[in-house]
Amino acid sequence: MTSGLPPIDSWLRGASGAPLLAAERALLAEVLDDVFGWELLQVGLWGPPRGLIQASRTRQQTVIADQPAEGVDLVARLPQLPIASGAVDAVLLPHTLEFLPDAKAMIREVDRVLAAEGQLIVAGLRPWSPWGLRSRLSRGHFPPGVRQLYAERRICDWLALLGYEIIASRHYLHGAYILKARKRVYTMTPIRLRPRERTAVIGSLVKPTSRTRT
């Protein structure tokens, strides 16, 4: 273990975490290749603050974490984001849900700040993978500080309830996954009456149509 670093940072530099972080950097470079817009928001730290979003093609990138660190733009209590509703084009959650007491609240907050047709990328560890089993046996100490691992299917169900479309899913190494979803916003289209179903108004009287005559 590297002294002077938080436990999770030390783990990500070790024999188990370093290959995982390297694989995720490479995969996210591919996943972010078609993510455009003005703003990409990374919520939570996983490795160096800007190491996972170097390939981002958005005009700006912002990193929010619950603790200050070099490369962190905003410090906030998660999941309360100091971001206006519908203000960002993409959000990255790099294992963020696994460290929070209320993962669903984080998903709802991301939905609030994400613009229509915006994209959400979630990285996680599968609970029934070898890493997931080890995490349960170690009672949350693998990786260090993890509260709970969430199955990919469970995240998909949460997003489906919010109207998201799953557009990509990648599995790698010993049971990790990256999930990519798009926020769909469906507008109501008013139904217009056909001309023959409309009533004509003459002065203050309604002229009956063929359907209203008795």
C-alpha atoms as a PDB file:
ATOM      1  CA  MET A   1       0.000   0.000   0.000  1.00  0.00           C
ATOM      2  CA  THR A   2       1.205   3.502  -0.791  1.00  0.00           C
ATOM      3  CA  SER A   3       1.443   5.632   2.353  1.00  0.00           C
ATOM      4  CA  GLY A   4      -0.213   9.040   2.535  1.00  0.00           C
ATOM      5  CA  LEU A   5      -3.042   8.177   0.114  1.00  0.00           C
ATOM      6  CA  PRO A   6      -6.696   7.381   0.802  1.00  0.00           C
ATOM      7  CA  PRO A   7      -7.276   3.597   0.861  1.00  0.00           C
ATOM      8  CA  ILE A   8      -9.138   3.531  -2.468  1.00  0.00           C
ATOM      9  CA  ASP A   9      -6.370   5.507  -4.206  1.00  0.00           C
ATOM     10  CA  SER A  10      -3.772   3.130  -2.836  1.00  0.00           C
ATOM     11  CA  TRP A  11      -5.864   0.168  -4.039  1.00  0.00           C
ATOM     12  CA  LEU A  12      -6.155   1.660  -7.527  1.00  0.00           C
ATOM     13  CA  ARG A  13      -2.375   1.813  -7.679  1.00  0.00           C
ATOM     14  CA  GLY A  14      -1.961  -1.782  -6.561  1.00  0.00           C
ATOM     15  CA  ALA A  15      -2.045  -5.171  -8.249  1.00  0.00           C
ATOM     16  CA  SER A  16      -5.842  -5.412  -8.335  1.00  0.00           C
ATOM     17  CA  GLY A  17      -6.858  -1.839  -8.982  1.00  0.00           C
ATOM     18  CA  ALA A  18      -4.261  -0.651 -11.479  1.00  0.00           C
ATOM     19  CA  PRO A  19      -5.300  -3.050 -14.287  1.00  0.00           C
ATOM     20  CA  LEU A  20      -8.957  -2.162 -13.670  1.00  0.00           C
ATOM     21  CA  LEU A  21      -8.273   1.565 -13.884  1.00  0.00           C
ATOM     22  CA  ALA A  22      -6.165   1.145 -17.032  1.00  0.00           C
ATOM     23  CA  ALA A  23      -8.897  -0.890 -18.724  1.00  0.00           C
ATOM     24  CA  GLU A  24     -11.511   1.704 -17.816  1.00  0.00           C
ATOM     25  CA  ARG A  25      -9.436   4.554 -19.198  1.00  0.00           C
ATOM     26  CA  ALA A  26      -9.159   2.738 -22.524  1.00  0.00           C
ATOM     27  CA  LEU A  27     -12.844   1.809 -22.639  1.00  0.00           C
ATOM     28  CA  LEU A  28     -14.036   5.275 -21.680  1.00  0.00           C
ATOM     29  CA  ALA A  29     -11.939   6.753 -24.470  1.00  0.00           C
ATOM     30  CA  GLU A  30     -14.104   4.690 -26.849  1.00  0.00           C
ATOM     31  CA  VAL A  31     -17.384   5.310 -25.014  1.00  0.00           C
ATOM     32  CA  LEU A  32     -16.862   9.081 -24.924  1.00  0.00           C
ATOM     33  CA  ASP A  33     -15.884   9.303 -28.572  1.00  0.00           C
ATOM     34  CA  ASP A  34     -19.449  10.048 -29.716  1.00  0.00           C
ATOM     35  CA  VAL A  35     -20.476  12.127 -26.693  1.00  0.00           C
ATOM     36  CA  PHE A  36     -20.702  15.742 -27.811  1.00  0.00           C
ATOM     37  CA  GLY A  37     -22.099  18.981 -26.429  1.00  0.00           C
ATOM     38  CA  TRP A  38     -20.989  21.741 -24.144  1.00  0.00           C
ATOM     39  CA  GLU A  39     -20.527  20.116 -20.728  1.00  0.00           C
ATOM     40  CA  LEU A  40     -19.460  16.729 -19.376  1.00  0.00           C
ATOM     41  CA  LEU A  41     -19.853  16.269 -15.632  1.00  0.00           C
ATOM     42  CA  GLN A  42     -17.934  13.612 -13.715  1.00  0.00           C
ATOM     43  CA  VAL A  43     -19.469  12.944 -10.314  1.00  0.00           C
ATOM     44  CA  GLY A  44     -17.143  11.237  -7.860  1.00  0.00           C
ATOM     45  CA  LEU A  45     -13.457  10.352  -7.948  1.00  0.00           C
ATOM     46  CA  TRP A  46     -11.955   7.140  -9.244  1.00  0.00           C
ATOM     47  CA  GLY A  47      -8.231   7.474  -9.703  1.00  0.00           C
ATOM     48  CA  PRO A  48      -6.702  10.806 -10.786  1.00  0.00           C
ATOM     49  CA  PRO A  49      -9.483  13.439 -10.946  1.00  0.00           C
ATOM     50  CA  ARG A  50      -9.307  13.982 -14.711  1.00  0.00           C
ATOM     51  CA  GLY A  51      -7.768  10.693 -15.760  1.00  0.00           C
ATOM     52  CA  LEU A  52     -11.001   9.117 -17.044  1.00  0.00           C
ATOM     53  CA  ILE A  53     -12.247  12.072 -19.109  1.00  0.00           C
ATOM     54  CA  GLN A  54      -9.136  13.029 -21.051  1.00  0.00           C
ATOM     55  CA  ALA A  55     -10.736  11.746 -24.262  1.00  0.00           C
ATOM     56  CA  SER A  56     -13.952  13.715 -23.781  1.00  0.00           C
ATOM     57  CA  ARG A  57     -15.073  15.662 -26.858  1.00  0.00           C
ATOM     58  CA  THR A  58     -17.365  18.066 -25.024  1.00  0.00           C
ATOM     59  CA  ARG A  59     -16.209  21.663 -24.877  1.00  0.00           C
ATOM     60  CA  GLN A  60     -15.920  21.655 -21.093  1.00  0.00           C
ATOM     61  CA  GLN A  61     -15.422  19.024 -18.421  1.00  0.00           C
ATOM     62  CA  THR A  62     -16.242  19.474 -14.741  1.00  0.00           C
ATOM     63  CA  VAL A  63     -15.294  17.139 -11.891  1.00  0.00           C
ATOM     64  CA  ILE A  64     -17.399  17.173  -8.711  1.00  0.00           C
ATOM     65  CA  ALA A  65     -16.312  15.278  -5.604  1.00  0.00           C
ATOM     66  CA  ASP A  66     -17.179  15.226  -1.929  1.00  0.00           C
ATOM     67  CA  GLN A  67     -13.633  16.147  -0.955  1.00  0.00           C
ATOM     68  CA  PRO A  68     -11.061  18.599  -2.336  1.00  0.00           C
ATOM     69  CA  ALA A  69      -8.253  17.293  -4.519  1.00  0.00           C
ATOM     70  CA  GLU A  70      -6.074  18.562  -7.300  1.00  0.00           C
ATOM     71  CA  GLY A  71      -8.138  18.591 -10.477  1.00  0.00           C
ATOM     72  CA  VAL A  72     -11.506  18.729  -8.680  1.00  0.00           C
ATOM     73  CA  ASP A  73     -13.555  21.719  -9.845  1.00  0.00           C
ATOM     74  CA  LEU A  74     -16.397  21.640  -7.310  1.00  0.00           C
ATOM     75  CA  VAL A  75     -16.746  20.124  -3.848  1.00  0.00           C
ATOM     76  CA  ALA A  76     -20.268  19.188  -2.834  1.00  0.00           C
ATOM     77  CA  ARG A  77     -22.174  16.736  -0.694  1.00  0.00           C
ATOM     78  CA  LEU A  78     -23.339  13.909  -2.925  1.00  0.00           C
ATOM     79  CA  PRO A  79     -25.956  13.498  -4.226  1.00  0.00           C
ATOM     80  CA  GLN A  80     -26.757  17.216  -3.876  1.00  0.00           C
ATOM     81  CA  LEU A  81     -25.221  18.761  -6.986  1.00  0.00           C
ATOM     82  CA  PRO A  82     -24.778  22.553  -7.238  1.00  0.00           C
ATOM     83  CA  ILE A  83     -25.790  22.409 -10.897  1.00  0.00           C
ATOM     84  CA  ALA A  84     -28.846  23.915 -12.594  1.00  0.00           C
ATOM     85  CA  SER A  85     -31.494  21.532 -13.902  1.00  0.00           C
ATOM     86  CA  GLY A  86     -30.946  20.375 -17.480  1.00  0.00           C
ATOM     87  CA  ALA A  87     -27.560  22.109 -17.652  1.00  0.00           C
ATOM     88  CA  VAL A  88     -25.172  19.330 -18.744  1.00  0.00           C
ATOM     89  CA  ASP A  89     -24.953  17.154 -21.833  1.00  0.00           C
ATOM     90  CA  ALA A  90     -23.305  14.092 -20.300  1.00  0.00           C
ATOM     91  CA  VAL A  91     -22.622  12.645 -16.850  1.00  0.00           C
ATOM     92  CA  LEU A  92     -20.041  10.063 -15.833  1.00  0.00           C
ATOM     93  CA  LEU A  93     -20.478   8.056 -12.619  1.00  0.00           C
ATOM     94  CA  PRO A  94     -17.201   6.120 -12.182  1.00  0.00           C
ATOM     95  CA  HIS A  95     -18.149   3.587  -9.480  1.00  0.00           C
ATOM     96  CA  THR A  96     -19.780   6.501  -7.646  1.00  0.00           C
ATOM     97  CA  LEU A  97     -22.990   4.629  -6.800  1.00  0.00           C
ATOM     98  CA  GLU A  98     -21.059   1.939  -4.970  1.00  0.00           C
ATOM     99  CA  PHE A  99     -19.766   4.373  -2.348  1.00  0.00           C
ATOM    100  CA  LEU A 100     -23.044   6.157  -1.556  1.00  0.00           C
ATOM    101  CA  PRO A 101     -25.692   5.256   1.046  1.00  0.00           C
ATOM    102  CA  ASP A 102     -28.500   6.079  -1.432  1.00  0.00           C
ATOM    103  CA  ALA A 103     -27.628   5.219  -5.026  1.00  0.00           C
ATOM    104  CA  LYS A 104     -31.156   5.848  -6.297  1.00  0.00           C
ATOM    105  CA  ALA A 105     -31.022   9.415  -5.002  1.00  0.00           C
ATOM    106  CA  MET A 106     -27.846   9.928  -7.009  1.00  0.00           C
ATOM    107  CA  ILE A 107     -29.548   8.633 -10.154  1.00  0.00           C
ATOM    108  CA  ARG A 108     -32.479  10.993  -9.618  1.00  0.00           C
ATOM    109  CA  GLU A 109     -30.132  13.940  -9.111  1.00  0.00           C
ATOM    110  CA  VAL A 110     -28.229  13.083 -12.285  1.00  0.00           C
ATOM    111  CA  ASP A 111     -31.530  12.948 -14.141  1.00  0.00           C
ATOM    112  CA  ARG A 112     -32.316  16.431 -12.865  1.00  0.00           C
ATOM    113  CA  VAL A 113     -29.114  18.060 -14.147  1.00  0.00           C
ATOM    114  CA  LEU A 114     -28.940  16.138 -17.419  1.00  0.00           C
ATOM    115  CA  ALA A 115     -30.373  17.825 -20.517  1.00  0.00           C
ATOM    116  CA  ALA A 116     -32.875  16.114 -22.803  1.00  0.00           C
ATOM    117  CA  GLU A 117     -31.124  13.558 -25.036  1.00  0.00           C
ATOM    118  CA  GLY A 118     -28.115  13.786 -22.737  1.00  0.00           C
ATOM    119  CA  GLN A 119     -26.005  10.704 -22.025  1.00  0.00           C
ATOM    120  CA  LEU A 120     -25.212   8.942 -18.753  1.00  0.00           C
ATOM    121  CA  ILE A 121     -22.212   6.618 -18.367  1.00  0.00           C
ATOM    122  CA  VAL A 122     -22.030   4.365 -15.302  1.00  0.00           C
ATOM    123  CA  ALA A 123     -19.071   2.181 -14.330  1.00  0.00           C
ATOM    124  CA  GLY A 124     -19.615  -0.568 -11.778  1.00  0.00           C
ATOM    125  CA  LEU A 125     -18.615  -4.002 -10.495  1.00  0.00           C
ATOM    126  CA  ARG A 126     -20.995  -6.922 -10.923  1.00  0.00           C
ATOM    127  CA  PRO A 127     -22.153  -8.364  -7.560  1.00  0.00           C
ATOM    128  CA  TRP A 128     -21.963 -11.998  -8.715  1.00  0.00           C
ATOM    129  CA  SER A 129     -18.519 -11.736 -10.263  1.00  0.00           C
ATOM    130  CA  PRO A 130     -15.386 -12.956  -8.447  1.00  0.00           C
ATOM    131  CA  TRP A 131     -14.794  -9.374  -7.342  1.00  0.00           C
ATOM    132  CA  GLY A 132     -18.373  -9.070  -6.162  1.00  0.00           C
ATOM    133  CA  LEU A 133     -18.153 -12.253  -4.108  1.00  0.00           C
ATOM    134  CA  ARG A 134     -14.907 -11.087  -2.565  1.00  0.00           C
ATOM    135  CA  SER A 135     -16.531  -7.759  -1.721  1.00  0.00           C
ATOM    136  CA  ARG A 136     -19.325  -9.499   0.200  1.00  0.00           C
ATOM    137  CA  LEU A 137     -16.907 -11.755   2.041  1.00  0.00           C
ATOM    138  CA  SER A 138     -14.791  -8.776   3.059  1.00  0.00           C
ATOM    139  CA  ARG A 139     -17.866  -6.831   4.251  1.00  0.00           C
ATOM    140  CA  GLY A 140     -17.283  -3.781   2.098  1.00  0.00           C
ATOM    141  CA  HIS A 141     -13.505  -3.660   2.233  1.00  0.00           C
ATOM    142  CA  PHE A 142     -12.982  -4.663  -1.393  1.00  0.00           C
ATOM    143  CA  PRO A 143     -12.476  -2.274  -2.984  1.00  0.00           C
ATOM    144  CA  PRO A 144     -11.853  -0.180   0.133  1.00  0.00           C
ATOM    145  CA  GLY A 145     -14.846   1.874   1.207  1.00  0.00           C
ATOM    146  CA  VAL A 146     -17.435   0.255  -1.072  1.00  0.00           C
ATOM    147  CA  ARG A 147     -20.905   0.176   0.484  1.00  0.00           C
ATOM    148  CA  GLN A 148     -22.776  -1.960  -2.047  1.00  0.00           C
ATOM    149  CA  LEU A 149     -22.345  -3.311  -5.566  1.00  0.00           C
ATOM    150  CA  TYR A 150     -25.248  -2.937  -7.991  1.00  0.00           C
ATOM    151  CA  ALA A 151     -26.076  -5.341 -10.775  1.00  0.00           C
ATOM    152  CA  GLU A 152     -26.195  -3.901 -14.253  1.00  0.00           C
ATOM    153  CA  ARG A 153     -29.797  -5.082 -14.591  1.00  0.00           C
ATOM    154  CA  ARG A 154     -30.787  -3.143 -11.491  1.00  0.00           C
ATOM    155  CA  ILE A 155     -29.297   0.099 -12.830  1.00  0.00           C
ATOM    156  CA  CYS A 156     -31.091  -0.489 -16.129  1.00  0.00           C
ATOM    157  CA  ASP A 157     -34.400  -0.906 -14.295  1.00  0.00           C
ATOM    158  CA  TRP A 158     -33.931   2.371 -12.432  1.00  0.00           C
ATOM    159  CA  LEU A 159     -33.101   4.186 -15.654  1.00  0.00           C
ATOM    160  CA  ALA A 160     -36.046   2.633 -17.502  1.00  0.00           C
ATOM    161  CA  LEU A 161     -38.413   4.071 -14.897  1.00  0.00           C
ATOM    162  CA  LEU A 162     -36.976   7.507 -15.693  1.00  0.00           C
ATOM    163  CA  GLY A 163     -37.437   7.018 -19.438  1.00  0.00           C
ATOM    164  CA  TYR A 164     -33.810   6.293 -20.383  1.00  0.00           C
ATOM    165  CA  GLU A 165     -32.743   4.204 -23.346  1.00  0.00           C
ATOM    166  CA  ILE A 166     -29.786   1.840 -22.863  1.00  0.00           C
ATOM    167  CA  ILE A 167     -27.529   2.351 -25.872  1.00  0.00           C
ATOM    168  CA  ALA A 168     -24.374   0.404 -24.939  1.00  0.00           C
ATOM    169  CA  SER A 169     -23.026  -2.044 -22.381  1.00  0.00           C
ATOM    170  CA  ARG A 170     -19.453  -3.348 -22.010  1.00  0.00           C
ATOM    171  CA  HIS A 171     -18.080  -6.041 -19.700  1.00  0.00           C
ATOM    172  CA  TYR A 172     -14.385  -6.389 -18.895  1.00  0.00           C
ATOM    173  CA  LEU A 173     -11.828  -8.062 -16.624  1.00  0.00           C
ATOM    174  CA  HIS A 174     -13.178  -9.940 -13.583  1.00  0.00           C
ATOM    175  CA  GLY A 175     -16.763  -8.684 -13.669  1.00  0.00           C
ATOM    176  CA  ALA A 176     -16.802  -4.953 -14.239  1.00  0.00           C
ATOM    177  CA  TYR A 177     -19.162  -3.127 -16.596  1.00  0.00           C
ATOM    178  CA  ILE A 178     -19.697   0.213 -18.258  1.00  0.00           C
ATOM    179  CA  LEU A 179     -23.273   1.172 -19.055  1.00  0.00           C
ATOM    180  CA  LYS A 180     -24.272   3.970 -21.425  1.00  0.00           C
ATOM    181  CA  ALA A 181     -27.792   5.402 -21.540  1.00  0.00           C
ATOM    182  CA  ARG A 182     -29.589   8.309 -23.190  1.00  0.00           C
ATOM    183  CA  LYS A 183     -32.199  10.502 -21.531  1.00  0.00           C
ATOM    184  CA  ARG A 184     -35.357  10.458 -23.623  1.00  0.00           C
ATOM    185  CA  VAL A 185     -37.950  13.188 -23.225  1.00  0.00           C
ATOM    186  CA  TYR A 186     -41.299  12.534 -24.861  1.00  0.00           C
ATOM    187  CA  THR A 187     -43.585  15.482 -25.545  1.00  0.00           C
ATOM    188  CA  MET A 188     -47.351  15.312 -25.694  1.00  0.00           C
ATOM    189  CA  THR A 189     -48.801  15.951 -29.150  1.00  0.00           C
ATOM    190  CA  PRO A 190     -52.257  17.538 -28.965  1.00  0.00           C
ATOM    191  CA  ILE A 191     -54.957  15.712 -30.919  1.00  0.00           C
ATOM    192  CA  ARG A 192     -56.764  18.012 -33.302  1.00  0.00           C
ATOM    193  CA  LEU A 193     -60.385  17.451 -34.205  1.00  0.00           C
ATOM    194  CA  ARG A 194     -61.211  16.821 -37.822  1.00  0.00           C
ATOM    195  CA  PRO A 195     -62.981  19.691 -39.583  1.00  0.00           C
ATOM    196  CA  ARG A 196     -66.289  17.820 -39.635  1.00  0.00           C
ATOM    197  CA  GLU A 197     -66.081  17.298 -35.864  1.00  0.00           C
ATOM    198  CA  ARG A 198     -65.673  20.986 -35.054  1.00  0.00           C
ATOM    199  CA  THR A 199     -68.645  23.150 -34.142  1.00  0.00           C
ATOM    200  CA  ALA A 200     -69.144  26.473 -35.871  1.00  0.00           C
ATOM    201  CA  VAL A 201     -69.965  29.486 -33.744  1.00  0.00           C
ATOM    202  CA  ILE A 202     -72.336  32.073 -35.257  1.00  0.00           C
ATOM    203  CA  GLY A 203     -72.609  35.093 -33.042  1.00  0.00           C
ATOM    204  CA  SER A 204     -73.365  33.717 -29.610  1.00  0.00           C
ATOM    205  CA  LEU A 205     -74.991  30.565 -30.946  1.00  0.00           C
ATOM    206  CA  VAL A 206     -73.350  27.247 -31.748  1.00  0.00           C
ATOM    207  CA  LYS A 207     -74.243  25.923 -35.146  1.00  0.00           C
ATOM    208  CA  PRO A 208     -74.910  22.189 -34.775  1.00  0.00           C
ATOM    209  CA  THR A 209     -72.910  19.726 -36.863  1.00  0.00           C
ATOM    210  CA  SER A 210     -74.303  16.539 -38.338  1.00  0.00           C
ATOM    211  CA  ARG A 211     -73.268  14.736 -35.137  1.00  0.00           C
ATOM    212  CA  THR A 212     -74.974  17.208 -32.797  1.00  0.00           C
ATOM    213  CA  ARG A 213     -78.306  17.447 -34.641  1.00  0.00           C
ATOM    214  CA  THR A 214     -81.169  15.517 -33.101  1.00  0.00           C
END
